[in-house]
Amino acid sequence: MGRLVALSLLGIALALLGERLLALRNRLKASREVESVDLPNCHLIKGIEAGADDIDILPNGLAFFSVGLKCPGLHSFSPDKPGGILMMDLKEENPRALELRISRGFNLASFNPHGISTFIDHDDTVYLFVVNHPEFKNTVEIFKFEEEENSLLHLKTIKHELLPSVNDIIAVGPAHFYATNDHYFSDPFLKYLETYFNLHWANVVYYSPNEVKVVAEGFDAANGINISPDKKYIYVADILAHEIHVLEKHPNMNLTQLKVLRIQNILSEKPTVTTVYANNGSVLQGSSVASVYDRKLLIGTLYHRALYCEL
């Protein structure tokens, strides 16, 4: 009798694990086939060989790329080279990516940049915020961009217990930002269990020198974050749920959810989806970001190349 009970429990456990594995496969879209949608004027950006996970573009056309991200268990085309920040002037006729120098005193050897965001202060000072994973830990680095020298002056490193697994960031002040945690845990094994069992513990955190707080939670895997042009709404991509969350920003910096959508043009009456570019992996692998400036499209990837297109 005891043996039958044990076998029954084993069968139930295996069935549960199988169901969770199938559910994870569906969430990852592992069987999805992509039909390519090409643009006529595209070329790979020279100098980006090991990923450009995030891109941010200033109003004057200067585009920043975070390159060389390394993640546990993820292939890297440049495992021994630290990450960096590249810049491209999209107003040039033939723009090219240049690596920005970073001031002395910053640990370049362990630089592992992820999400980035820029903030322009009232005196036109440009700050660059970078999610960094030195030795696979979690920090946010704040730099001052010095355009004449094509360099970054490191100002501050931020660590906090509410920032255990930071993915992306949107700056809203010279030392103020919203950040997504794609997992609740920082330990890789616990992260795997969190994803496997679909716990929805990921969140969004607001950080300022005077206050740090969770302002939105319940995400499967909170990933990209951005802000509307009028600064009233925050957009959060839940990558495994395949959803875009529209959150209203309040004067106290708290967020309340307005909509959860799976489509673009998220505040229009009749939202639609238009596929501008798609590739089956023959040109780009693991796309993570797209950004547009004056009919110029930049597409970055987690660990591969980056693409420049004229629309």
Protein backbone atom coordinates (compact mmCIF):
# COMPACT_ATOMS: atom_id res chain seq x y z
CA MET A 1 0.00 0.00 0.00
CA GLY A 2 2.78 2.40 0.93
CA ARG A 3 4.58 1.62 -2.32
CA LEU A 4 1.44 2.44 -4.33
CA VAL A 5 1.07 5.75 -2.51
CA ALA A 6 4.70 6.61 -3.19
CA LEU A 7 4.32 5.74 -6.87
CA SER A 8 1.14 7.82 -7.06
CA LEU A 9 2.87 10.81 -5.48
CA LEU A 10 5.82 10.39 -7.86
CA GLY A 11 3.43 10.30 -10.81
CA ILE A 12 1.68 13.46 -9.64
CA ALA A 13 5.03 15.23 -9.15
CA LEU A 14 6.24 14.23 -12.62
CA ALA A 15 2.96 15.35 -14.18
CA LEU A 16 3.23 18.71 -12.40
CA LEU A 17 6.83 19.18 -13.53
CA GLY A 18 5.87 18.25 -17.08
CA GLU A 19 2.99 20.72 -17.07
CA ARG A 20 5.26 23.49 -15.75
CA LEU A 21 7.89 22.70 -18.40
CA LEU A 22 5.30 22.83 -21.18
CA ALA A 23 3.91 26.10 -19.79
CA LEU A 24 7.41 27.61 -19.68
CA ARG A 25 8.05 26.50 -23.26
CA ASN A 26 4.86 28.25 -24.34
CA ARG A 27 5.77 31.42 -22.42
CA LEU A 28 9.18 31.44 -24.10
CA LYS A 29 7.55 30.99 -27.54
CA ALA A 30 10.11 28.25 -28.17
CA SER A 31 8.25 26.87 -31.18
CA ARG A 32 7.46 30.20 -32.82
CA GLU A 33 8.58 30.63 -36.42
CA VAL A 34 9.43 34.15 -37.60
CA GLU A 35 8.84 35.29 -41.15
CA SER A 36 11.34 37.96 -42.13
CA VAL A 37 10.19 41.51 -42.89
CA ASP A 38 13.08 43.37 -44.50
CA LEU A 39 13.90 47.03 -44.91
CA PRO A 40 15.84 48.15 -48.01
CA ASN A 41 18.42 50.38 -46.33
CA CYS A 42 19.94 48.46 -43.43
CA HIS A 43 23.46 47.55 -42.44
CA LEU A 44 25.15 46.03 -39.40
CA ILE A 45 26.91 48.56 -37.18
CA LYS A 46 30.67 48.10 -37.27
CA GLY A 47 32.27 47.57 -33.88
CA ILE A 48 29.28 45.89 -32.23
CA GLU A 49 29.97 42.16 -32.18
CA ALA A 50 28.87 41.02 -28.71
CA GLY A 51 25.51 42.64 -28.12
CA ALA A 52 23.96 46.08 -27.72
CA ASP A 53 21.26 45.30 -25.19
CA ASP A 54 19.92 48.84 -24.83
CA ILE A 55 19.92 52.08 -26.81
CA ASP A 56 18.96 55.61 -25.78
CA ILE A 57 18.93 58.63 -28.10
CA LEU A 58 19.24 62.28 -27.08
CA PRO A 59 17.10 64.96 -28.80
CA ASN A 60 20.21 66.11 -30.71
CA GLY A 61 20.64 62.69 -32.35
CA LEU A 62 23.43 61.27 -30.18
CA ALA A 63 22.67 57.60 -29.57
CA PHE A 64 24.15 55.63 -26.67
CA PHE A 65 24.58 51.84 -26.79
CA SER A 66 25.30 49.53 -23.84
CA VAL A 67 27.44 46.73 -25.24
CA GLY A 68 29.00 43.46 -24.10
CA LEU A 69 26.44 42.25 -21.54
CA LYS A 70 27.30 38.88 -20.00
CA CYS A 71 24.72 36.75 -18.19
CA PRO A 72 25.13 33.39 -16.45
CA GLY A 73 24.36 30.59 -18.88
CA LEU A 74 24.21 32.92 -21.90
CA HIS A 75 26.70 32.64 -24.75
CA SER A 76 29.07 35.58 -25.21
CA PHE A 77 30.96 36.35 -28.42
CA SER A 78 33.52 38.28 -26.37
CA PRO A 79 33.77 36.58 -22.97
CA ASP A 80 37.09 38.14 -21.94
CA LYS A 81 36.33 41.74 -22.91
CA PRO A 82 34.50 44.01 -20.44
CA GLY A 83 31.40 45.85 -21.56
CA GLY A 84 31.30 49.47 -22.59
CA ILE A 85 29.23 52.41 -23.80
CA LEU A 86 29.31 53.37 -27.48
CA MET A 87 27.99 56.55 -29.09
CA MET A 88 26.76 57.27 -32.61
CA ASP A 89 25.81 60.67 -34.07
CA LEU A 90 22.70 60.01 -36.14
CA LYS A 91 22.91 63.45 -37.75
CA GLU A 92 26.06 62.44 -39.60
CA GLU A 93 25.69 61.22 -43.17
CA ASN A 94 27.49 57.96 -42.42
CA PRO A 95 27.35 57.60 -38.65
CA ARG A 96 29.73 55.22 -36.91
CA ALA A 97 29.86 53.93 -33.36
CA LEU A 98 32.66 55.18 -31.10
CA GLU A 99 33.46 53.88 -27.63
CA LEU A 100 33.27 56.52 -24.90
CA ARG A 101 36.14 56.86 -22.47
CA ILE A 102 35.21 56.42 -18.81
CA SER A 103 36.91 58.39 -16.05
CA ARG A 104 39.61 56.95 -13.84
CA GLY A 105 38.54 55.36 -10.59
CA PHE A 106 35.71 53.38 -12.16
CA ASN A 107 36.25 49.61 -12.33
CA LEU A 108 36.25 49.06 -16.08
CA ALA A 109 37.40 45.44 -15.82
CA SER A 110 34.09 44.37 -14.27
CA PHE A 111 31.85 46.71 -16.28
CA ASN A 112 28.82 44.68 -17.42
CA PRO A 113 26.20 47.18 -18.68
CA HIS A 114 22.55 46.27 -19.19
CA GLY A 115 19.70 48.82 -19.43
CA ILE A 116 20.53 52.52 -19.89
CA SER A 117 18.71 55.85 -19.74
CA THR A 118 19.64 59.50 -20.20
CA PHE A 119 18.43 62.56 -18.30
CA ILE A 120 18.98 66.20 -19.34
CA ASP A 121 19.00 68.62 -16.40
CA HIS A 122 17.77 72.23 -16.48
CA ASP A 123 21.34 73.42 -17.14
CA ASP A 124 21.65 71.02 -20.14
CA THR A 125 23.90 68.63 -18.22
CA VAL A 126 23.42 65.12 -19.64
CA TYR A 127 23.42 62.23 -17.18
CA LEU A 128 23.69 58.61 -18.30
CA PHE A 129 22.24 55.96 -15.99
CA VAL A 130 23.54 52.42 -16.51
CA VAL A 131 22.35 49.16 -14.97
CA ASN A 132 25.58 47.31 -14.20
CA HIS A 133 26.23 43.69 -13.19
CA PRO A 134 29.82 43.59 -11.92
CA GLU A 135 30.58 39.95 -11.08
CA PHE A 136 26.86 39.33 -11.79
CA LYS A 137 25.78 41.62 -8.94
CA ASN A 138 23.38 44.56 -9.31
CA THR A 139 24.26 48.24 -9.28
CA VAL A 140 23.15 51.42 -11.02
CA GLU A 141 25.92 53.72 -12.21
CA ILE A 142 25.38 57.42 -12.84
CA PHE A 143 27.71 59.19 -15.28
CA LYS A 144 27.97 62.75 -16.56
CA PHE A 145 28.36 62.88 -20.33
CA GLU A 146 31.15 65.21 -21.45
CA GLU A 147 30.48 65.68 -25.15
CA GLU A 148 33.62 67.64 -26.08
CA GLU A 149 35.86 64.87 -24.74
CA ASN A 150 33.59 61.97 -25.87
CA SER A 151 33.81 60.69 -22.31
CA LEU A 152 31.79 59.73 -19.26
CA LEU A 153 32.58 61.03 -15.78
CA HIS A 154 31.52 58.51 -13.16
CA LEU A 155 29.54 60.21 -10.39
CA LYS A 156 27.90 57.53 -8.26
CA THR A 157 27.30 53.81 -7.72
CA ILE A 158 23.91 52.85 -6.29
CA LYS A 159 23.16 49.57 -4.51
CA HIS A 160 19.97 48.77 -2.63
CA GLU A 161 18.15 45.72 -1.26
CA LEU A 162 15.11 46.63 -3.37
CA LEU A 163 17.25 46.35 -6.52
CA PRO A 164 18.15 42.62 -6.47
CA SER A 165 17.79 41.82 -10.18
CA VAL A 166 17.73 45.05 -12.16
CA ASN A 167 17.05 44.85 -15.87
CA ASP A 168 16.18 48.28 -17.21
CA ILE A 169 15.92 51.85 -16.01
CA ILE A 170 14.28 55.16 -16.88
CA ALA A 171 15.80 58.31 -15.41
CA VAL A 172 13.42 61.00 -14.11
CA GLY A 173 15.94 63.26 -12.35
CA PRO A 174 19.70 63.74 -11.86
CA ALA A 175 19.72 60.95 -9.23
CA HIS A 176 16.14 59.68 -9.59
CA PHE A 177 14.85 56.74 -11.61
CA TYR A 178 12.39 53.91 -12.02
CA ALA A 179 13.92 50.44 -12.46
CA THR A 180 12.54 47.02 -13.32
CA ASN A 181 13.51 43.91 -11.39
CA ASP A 182 13.03 40.98 -13.76
CA HIS A 183 13.14 38.60 -10.75
CA TYR A 184 12.48 38.91 -7.05
CA PHE A 185 15.61 36.94 -6.15
CA SER A 186 19.24 37.64 -7.00
CA ASP A 187 20.45 34.03 -6.71
CA PRO A 188 20.53 32.33 -10.19
CA PHE A 189 19.00 29.07 -8.96
CA LEU A 190 16.16 30.85 -7.15
CA LYS A 191 15.62 32.97 -10.27
CA TYR A 192 15.21 29.78 -12.28
CA LEU A 193 12.66 28.39 -9.82
CA GLU A 194 10.81 31.71 -9.84
CA THR A 195 10.53 31.60 -13.63
CA TYR A 196 9.76 27.87 -13.76
CA PHE A 197 6.86 28.13 -11.31
CA ASN A 198 5.62 31.41 -12.81
CA LEU A 199 5.47 33.22 -9.46
CA HIS A 200 4.87 36.77 -10.76
CA TRP A 201 7.11 38.36 -8.12
CA ALA A 202 8.95 40.81 -10.39
CA ASN A 203 8.41 44.52 -9.74
CA VAL A 204 9.18 48.16 -10.48
CA VAL A 205 11.09 50.29 -7.97
CA TYR A 206 11.36 54.06 -7.65
CA TYR A 207 14.72 55.34 -6.40
CA SER A 208 15.69 58.79 -5.17
CA PRO A 209 18.35 59.88 -2.65
CA ASN A 210 15.56 60.39 -0.09
CA GLU A 211 13.18 57.51 -0.83
CA VAL A 212 13.27 54.02 -2.32
CA LYS A 213 10.05 52.05 -2.76
CA VAL A 214 8.28 49.38 -4.79
CA VAL A 215 5.71 51.17 -6.95
CA ALA A 216 4.34 48.31 -9.07
CA GLU A 217 4.47 44.53 -8.69
CA GLY A 218 2.96 41.24 -9.84
CA PHE A 219 4.94 40.93 -13.10
CA ASP A 220 6.07 37.65 -14.60
CA ALA A 221 9.37 39.15 -15.77
CA ALA A 222 9.48 42.96 -15.78
CA ASN A 223 11.91 43.95 -18.51
CA GLY A 224 12.00 47.13 -20.58
CA ILE A 225 10.72 50.40 -19.09
CA ASN A 226 10.08 53.77 -20.69
CA ILE A 227 8.20 57.02 -20.16
CA SER A 228 5.68 58.82 -22.36
CA PRO A 229 6.75 62.08 -24.07
CA ASP A 230 4.50 64.08 -21.73
CA LYS A 231 6.08 62.32 -18.69
CA LYS A 232 2.64 61.26 -17.39
CA TYR A 233 2.84 57.52 -18.04
CA ILE A 234 5.34 54.74 -17.48
CA TYR A 235 5.40 51.75 -19.84
CA VAL A 236 6.65 48.39 -18.58
CA ALA A 237 7.21 45.34 -20.78
CA ASP A 238 6.45 42.00 -19.12
CA ILE A 239 8.49 39.84 -21.45
CA LEU A 240 7.25 36.37 -20.47
CA ALA A 241 3.61 37.45 -20.21
CA HIS A 242 3.97 39.20 -23.60
CA GLU A 243 2.26 42.31 -22.24
CA ILE A 244 2.81 46.06 -22.07
CA HIS A 245 1.62 47.66 -18.82
CA VAL A 246 0.58 51.32 -18.92
CA LEU A 247 1.04 52.97 -15.52
CA GLU A 248 0.06 56.48 -14.50
CA LYS A 249 2.75 58.46 -12.66
CA HIS A 250 1.62 60.54 -9.69
CA PRO A 251 3.28 63.55 -7.98
CA ASN A 252 4.50 61.29 -5.15
CA MET A 253 6.11 59.07 -7.87
CA ASN A 254 3.76 56.17 -7.14
CA LEU A 255 2.31 54.31 -10.13
CA THR A 256 -1.20 53.03 -10.75
CA GLN A 257 -2.01 50.66 -13.57
CA LEU A 258 -4.26 51.96 -16.34
CA LYS A 259 -4.10 49.22 -18.95
CA VAL A 260 -2.47 45.91 -19.75
CA LEU A 261 -2.01 45.50 -23.48
CA ARG A 262 -0.36 43.20 -25.96
CA ILE A 263 -0.18 45.83 -28.71
CA GLN A 264 1.39 49.10 -29.77
CA ASN A 265 -0.08 52.65 -29.93
CA ILE A 266 -1.15 51.86 -26.42
CA LEU A 267 -3.12 55.00 -25.59
CA SER A 268 -5.04 55.31 -28.88
CA GLU A 269 -8.71 54.44 -29.33
CA LYS A 270 -7.94 51.79 -31.93
CA PRO A 271 -4.44 50.44 -31.26
CA THR A 272 -2.79 48.56 -34.10
CA VAL A 273 0.39 46.60 -34.67
CA THR A 274 2.72 47.21 -37.61
CA THR A 275 5.77 45.02 -38.12
CA VAL A 276 8.50 47.33 -39.38
CA TYR A 277 11.31 44.78 -39.32
CA ALA A 278 11.58 41.07 -38.50
CA ASN A 279 14.39 38.58 -38.98
CA ASN A 280 14.60 34.82 -38.53
CA GLY A 281 18.10 34.93 -37.05
CA SER A 282 20.07 35.13 -40.27
CA VAL A 283 21.01 38.79 -39.59
CA LEU A 284 20.20 39.43 -35.92
CA GLN A 285 19.85 37.04 -32.99
CA GLY A 286 18.18 37.90 -29.70
CA SER A 287 16.85 41.41 -30.45
CA SER A 288 16.27 43.37 -27.25
CA VAL A 289 15.64 47.01 -28.21
CA ALA A 290 14.63 49.28 -31.08
CA SER A 291 14.83 53.06 -31.16
CA VAL A 292 13.92 55.63 -33.81
CA TYR A 293 15.28 59.09 -34.55
CA ASP A 294 14.37 61.16 -37.62
CA ARG A 295 13.40 58.08 -39.68
CA LYS A 296 16.53 56.23 -38.62
CA LEU A 297 15.95 52.91 -36.87
CA LEU A 298 18.46 51.28 -34.51
CA ILE A 299 17.97 47.67 -33.40
CA GLY A 300 20.10 46.14 -30.64
CA THR A 301 20.49 42.58 -29.41
CA LEU A 302 21.21 40.83 -26.15
CA TYR A 303 24.49 39.23 -27.24
CA HIS A 304 24.85 39.53 -31.06
CA ARG A 305 25.07 42.43 -33.54
CA ALA A 306 23.24 45.77 -33.98
CA LEU A 307 21.48 47.14 -37.05
CA TYR A 308 21.15 50.63 -38.52
CA CYS A 309 18.25 51.23 -40.94
CA GLU A 310 16.87 54.21 -42.80
CA LEU A 311 13.08 54.13 -42.86
